[in-house]
N, C-alpha and C. Protein backbone atom coordinates (compact mmCIF):
# COMPACT_ATOMS: atom_id res chain seq x y z
N MET A 1 16.18 -6.49 -20.55
CA MET A 1 15.36 -7.15 -19.58
C MET A 1 13.89 -7.01 -19.99
N GLU A 2 13.19 -8.10 -20.02
CA GLU A 2 11.78 -8.06 -20.41
C GLU A 2 10.95 -7.37 -19.34
N PRO A 3 9.91 -6.65 -19.74
CA PRO A 3 9.07 -6.00 -18.74
C PRO A 3 8.26 -7.02 -17.94
N VAL A 4 8.10 -6.73 -16.66
CA VAL A 4 7.25 -7.52 -15.78
C VAL A 4 6.08 -6.61 -15.42
N TRP A 5 4.94 -6.83 -16.04
CA TRP A 5 3.80 -5.93 -15.85
C TRP A 5 3.07 -6.27 -14.57
N GLU A 6 2.80 -5.23 -13.80
CA GLU A 6 2.04 -5.38 -12.57
C GLU A 6 1.00 -4.28 -12.49
N TRP A 7 -0.06 -4.54 -11.74
CA TRP A 7 -1.18 -3.61 -11.63
C TRP A 7 -1.62 -3.50 -10.19
N GLN A 8 -2.35 -2.43 -9.91
CA GLN A 8 -3.11 -2.39 -8.67
C GLN A 8 -4.43 -3.08 -8.94
N TRP A 9 -5.07 -3.54 -7.90
CA TRP A 9 -6.32 -4.29 -8.03
C TRP A 9 -7.37 -3.65 -7.14
N ALA A 10 -8.63 -3.79 -7.51
CA ALA A 10 -9.74 -3.28 -6.72
C ALA A 10 -10.63 -4.46 -6.33
N TYR A 11 -11.22 -4.36 -5.16
CA TYR A 11 -12.10 -5.43 -4.68
C TYR A 11 -13.19 -4.84 -3.80
N TRP A 12 -14.26 -5.58 -3.63
CA TRP A 12 -15.37 -5.16 -2.79
C TRP A 12 -15.06 -5.57 -1.35
N ASP A 13 -15.00 -4.59 -0.45
CA ASP A 13 -14.73 -4.84 0.95
C ASP A 13 -16.06 -5.01 1.68
N GLU A 14 -16.35 -6.22 2.11
CA GLU A 14 -17.62 -6.51 2.78
C GLU A 14 -17.78 -5.71 4.07
N ALA A 15 -16.72 -5.59 4.86
CA ALA A 15 -16.81 -4.91 6.15
C ALA A 15 -17.13 -3.43 5.99
N ARG A 16 -16.51 -2.78 5.03
CA ARG A 16 -16.73 -1.34 4.82
C ARG A 16 -17.87 -1.04 3.87
N GLY A 17 -18.23 -2.02 3.05
CA GLY A 17 -19.31 -1.82 2.10
C GLY A 17 -18.95 -0.90 0.96
N CYS A 18 -17.69 -0.98 0.51
CA CYS A 18 -17.26 -0.13 -0.60
C CYS A 18 -16.13 -0.82 -1.36
N ILE A 19 -15.76 -0.23 -2.48
CA ILE A 19 -14.65 -0.76 -3.28
C ILE A 19 -13.35 -0.22 -2.73
N GLU A 20 -12.39 -1.09 -2.51
CA GLU A 20 -11.07 -0.72 -2.01
C GLU A 20 -10.03 -1.03 -3.09
N VAL A 21 -8.98 -0.23 -3.12
CA VAL A 21 -7.86 -0.44 -4.05
C VAL A 21 -6.68 -0.97 -3.24
N THR A 22 -6.02 -1.99 -3.77
CA THR A 22 -4.88 -2.55 -3.05
C THR A 22 -3.75 -1.53 -2.99
N PRO A 23 -3.02 -1.49 -1.87
CA PRO A 23 -1.90 -0.56 -1.76
C PRO A 23 -0.64 -1.06 -2.47
N VAL A 24 -0.67 -2.28 -2.97
CA VAL A 24 0.49 -2.87 -3.64
C VAL A 24 0.14 -3.22 -5.07
N TRP A 25 1.18 -3.37 -5.89
CA TRP A 25 1.01 -3.81 -7.27
C TRP A 25 1.33 -5.30 -7.32
N MET A 26 0.55 -6.04 -8.10
CA MET A 26 0.78 -7.48 -8.25
C MET A 26 0.66 -7.85 -9.72
N THR A 27 1.43 -8.84 -10.12
CA THR A 27 1.25 -9.41 -11.44
C THR A 27 0.00 -10.29 -11.40
N VAL A 28 -0.46 -10.71 -12.56
CA VAL A 28 -1.63 -11.58 -12.61
C VAL A 28 -1.34 -12.90 -11.90
N ASP A 29 -0.15 -13.45 -12.12
CA ASP A 29 0.21 -14.72 -11.48
C ASP A 29 0.28 -14.59 -9.97
N GLU A 30 0.84 -13.48 -9.47
CA GLU A 30 0.90 -13.27 -8.02
C GLU A 30 -0.50 -13.13 -7.44
N ALA A 31 -1.34 -12.38 -8.11
CA ALA A 31 -2.71 -12.20 -7.62
C ALA A 31 -3.45 -13.53 -7.61
N ARG A 32 -3.28 -14.31 -8.64
CA ARG A 32 -3.97 -15.60 -8.73
C ARG A 32 -3.48 -16.55 -7.63
N ALA A 33 -2.18 -16.52 -7.33
CA ALA A 33 -1.61 -17.46 -6.37
C ALA A 33 -1.76 -17.00 -4.92
N ASP A 34 -1.64 -15.71 -4.66
CA ASP A 34 -1.52 -15.24 -3.28
C ASP A 34 -2.70 -14.45 -2.74
N TRP A 35 -3.54 -13.92 -3.61
CA TRP A 35 -4.57 -12.99 -3.17
C TRP A 35 -5.89 -13.71 -3.02
N TYR A 36 -6.44 -13.70 -1.82
CA TYR A 36 -7.64 -14.48 -1.54
C TYR A 36 -8.88 -13.98 -2.27
N VAL A 37 -8.89 -12.75 -2.74
CA VAL A 37 -10.07 -12.18 -3.38
C VAL A 37 -10.03 -12.33 -4.91
N TYR A 38 -8.98 -12.94 -5.44
CA TYR A 38 -8.81 -13.00 -6.89
C TYR A 38 -9.99 -13.65 -7.60
N ASP A 39 -10.53 -14.72 -7.03
CA ASP A 39 -11.62 -15.45 -7.68
C ASP A 39 -12.99 -14.79 -7.50
N ASP A 40 -13.06 -13.78 -6.66
CA ASP A 40 -14.34 -13.09 -6.43
C ASP A 40 -14.70 -12.29 -7.69
N PRO A 41 -15.92 -12.42 -8.19
CA PRO A 41 -16.30 -11.67 -9.40
C PRO A 41 -16.33 -10.16 -9.18
N ARG A 42 -16.30 -9.71 -7.92
CA ARG A 42 -16.31 -8.28 -7.64
C ARG A 42 -14.90 -7.69 -7.56
N SER A 43 -13.87 -8.48 -7.80
CA SER A 43 -12.50 -7.95 -7.83
C SER A 43 -12.07 -7.79 -9.29
N GLN A 44 -11.22 -6.80 -9.52
CA GLN A 44 -10.78 -6.56 -10.89
C GLN A 44 -9.41 -5.90 -10.91
N ARG A 45 -8.75 -6.08 -12.02
CA ARG A 45 -7.45 -5.45 -12.25
C ARG A 45 -7.70 -4.05 -12.77
N LEU A 46 -6.96 -3.07 -12.25
CA LEU A 46 -7.09 -1.69 -12.72
C LEU A 46 -6.08 -1.46 -13.83
N ASP A 47 -6.54 -1.54 -15.07
CA ASP A 47 -5.64 -1.50 -16.22
C ASP A 47 -4.88 -0.18 -16.35
N ASP A 48 -5.44 0.92 -15.86
CA ASP A 48 -4.75 2.21 -15.99
C ASP A 48 -3.59 2.36 -15.00
N THR A 49 -3.39 1.39 -14.10
CA THR A 49 -2.28 1.46 -13.15
C THR A 49 -1.11 0.57 -13.56
N ARG A 50 -1.12 0.04 -14.77
CA ARG A 50 -0.07 -0.88 -15.22
C ARG A 50 1.30 -0.19 -15.18
N ARG A 51 2.29 -0.92 -14.67
CA ARG A 51 3.67 -0.42 -14.67
C ARG A 51 4.62 -1.60 -14.80
N ASP A 52 5.83 -1.29 -15.21
CA ASP A 52 6.87 -2.30 -15.36
C ASP A 52 7.66 -2.35 -14.05
N ARG A 53 7.65 -3.49 -13.41
CA ARG A 53 8.34 -3.65 -12.13
C ARG A 53 9.84 -3.39 -12.26
N ASN A 54 10.43 -3.74 -13.39
CA ASN A 54 11.87 -3.56 -13.58
C ASN A 54 12.26 -2.10 -13.73
N ARG A 55 11.36 -1.26 -14.17
CA ARG A 55 11.68 0.15 -14.38
C ARG A 55 11.15 1.06 -13.27
N HIS A 56 10.47 0.47 -12.31
CA HIS A 56 9.93 1.26 -11.20
C HIS A 56 11.07 1.71 -10.30
N ASP A 57 10.96 2.92 -9.77
CA ASP A 57 12.04 3.51 -8.99
C ASP A 57 12.23 2.89 -7.61
N GLY A 58 11.22 2.33 -7.03
CA GLY A 58 11.35 1.76 -5.70
C GLY A 58 10.19 2.16 -4.82
N PRO A 59 10.34 1.99 -3.52
CA PRO A 59 9.23 2.30 -2.62
C PRO A 59 8.92 3.79 -2.61
N LEU A 60 7.67 4.10 -2.34
CA LEU A 60 7.23 5.50 -2.30
C LEU A 60 7.44 6.13 -0.94
N VAL A 61 7.89 5.37 0.04
CA VAL A 61 8.16 5.90 1.37
C VAL A 61 9.65 5.86 1.63
N GLU A 62 10.11 6.77 2.47
CA GLU A 62 11.53 6.81 2.78
C GLU A 62 11.84 5.82 3.90
N ALA A 63 13.04 5.28 3.87
CA ALA A 63 13.48 4.38 4.93
C ALA A 63 13.71 5.18 6.21
N PRO A 64 13.52 4.58 7.37
CA PRO A 64 13.77 5.31 8.62
C PRO A 64 15.23 5.71 8.73
N ARG A 65 15.45 6.81 9.42
CA ARG A 65 16.83 7.27 9.62
C ARG A 65 17.60 6.26 10.45
N ALA A 66 18.87 6.15 10.21
CA ALA A 66 19.71 5.18 10.94
C ALA A 66 19.84 5.58 12.41
N THR A 67 19.72 6.86 12.73
CA THR A 67 19.89 7.32 14.11
C THR A 67 18.62 7.16 14.93
N LEU A 68 17.52 6.82 14.31
CA LEU A 68 16.25 6.68 15.02
C LEU A 68 16.19 5.31 15.67
N THR A 69 15.99 5.29 16.97
CA THR A 69 15.87 4.03 17.69
C THR A 69 14.46 3.94 18.26
N GLY A 70 14.11 2.77 18.69
CA GLY A 70 12.79 2.58 19.28
C GLY A 70 12.58 3.42 20.51
N ARG A 71 13.58 3.52 21.36
CA ARG A 71 13.47 4.33 22.57
C ARG A 71 13.35 5.81 22.24
N ALA A 72 14.09 6.27 21.26
CA ALA A 72 14.03 7.69 20.90
C ALA A 72 12.66 8.06 20.37
N SER A 73 12.06 7.19 19.58
CA SER A 73 10.76 7.52 19.02
C SER A 73 9.68 7.51 20.10
N VAL A 74 9.77 6.59 21.07
CA VAL A 74 8.79 6.55 22.16
C VAL A 74 8.96 7.79 23.03
N ALA A 75 10.20 8.15 23.35
CA ALA A 75 10.43 9.32 24.20
C ALA A 75 9.95 10.59 23.52
N SER A 76 10.20 10.72 22.23
CA SER A 76 9.76 11.93 21.54
C SER A 76 8.24 11.98 21.44
N ALA A 77 7.60 10.83 21.33
CA ALA A 77 6.14 10.81 21.29
C ALA A 77 5.54 11.20 22.64
N ARG A 78 6.19 10.81 23.72
CA ARG A 78 5.69 11.18 25.06
C ARG A 78 5.86 12.67 25.32
N ASN A 79 6.92 13.26 24.77
CA ASN A 79 7.19 14.67 25.00
C ASN A 79 6.45 15.58 24.01
N ALA A 80 5.80 15.03 23.05
CA ALA A 80 5.09 15.84 22.06
C ALA A 80 3.88 16.52 22.70
N ALA A 81 3.51 17.62 22.12
CA ALA A 81 2.35 18.35 22.64
C ALA A 81 1.09 17.52 22.45
N PRO A 82 0.16 17.60 23.39
CA PRO A 82 -1.07 16.82 23.23
C PRO A 82 -1.87 17.33 22.04
N MET A 83 -2.62 16.41 21.45
CA MET A 83 -3.44 16.80 20.31
C MET A 83 -4.64 17.60 20.78
N ALA A 84 -4.95 18.65 20.05
CA ALA A 84 -6.09 19.48 20.40
C ALA A 84 -6.63 20.11 19.12
N CYS A 85 -7.82 20.60 19.20
CA CYS A 85 -8.41 21.29 18.07
C CYS A 85 -7.77 22.66 17.92
N PRO A 86 -7.61 23.16 16.71
CA PRO A 86 -7.04 24.49 16.52
C PRO A 86 -8.00 25.56 17.05
N PRO A 87 -7.47 26.69 17.48
CA PRO A 87 -8.36 27.76 17.98
C PRO A 87 -9.25 28.26 16.86
N SER A 88 -10.48 28.59 17.21
CA SER A 88 -11.41 29.05 16.17
C SER A 88 -11.50 30.55 16.13
């Protein structure tokens, strides 16, 4: 299988006033077709993040447990201890 090279991309975020890195990897064709910031001269491909999509292991986050339901997560959030600062 031929490698499908994809990269993370960086762009200038006007609202925050800083450079942001995309949380996803895109090929050049995907970025050109789907990413609204591609034509901006302040966006760039991060060459050191190159990876082969075919050899990548998968998502970096775990899938939710099958036993977790929407009601269970809301109920557990309501019963959780309130957030507070740690004792000093």
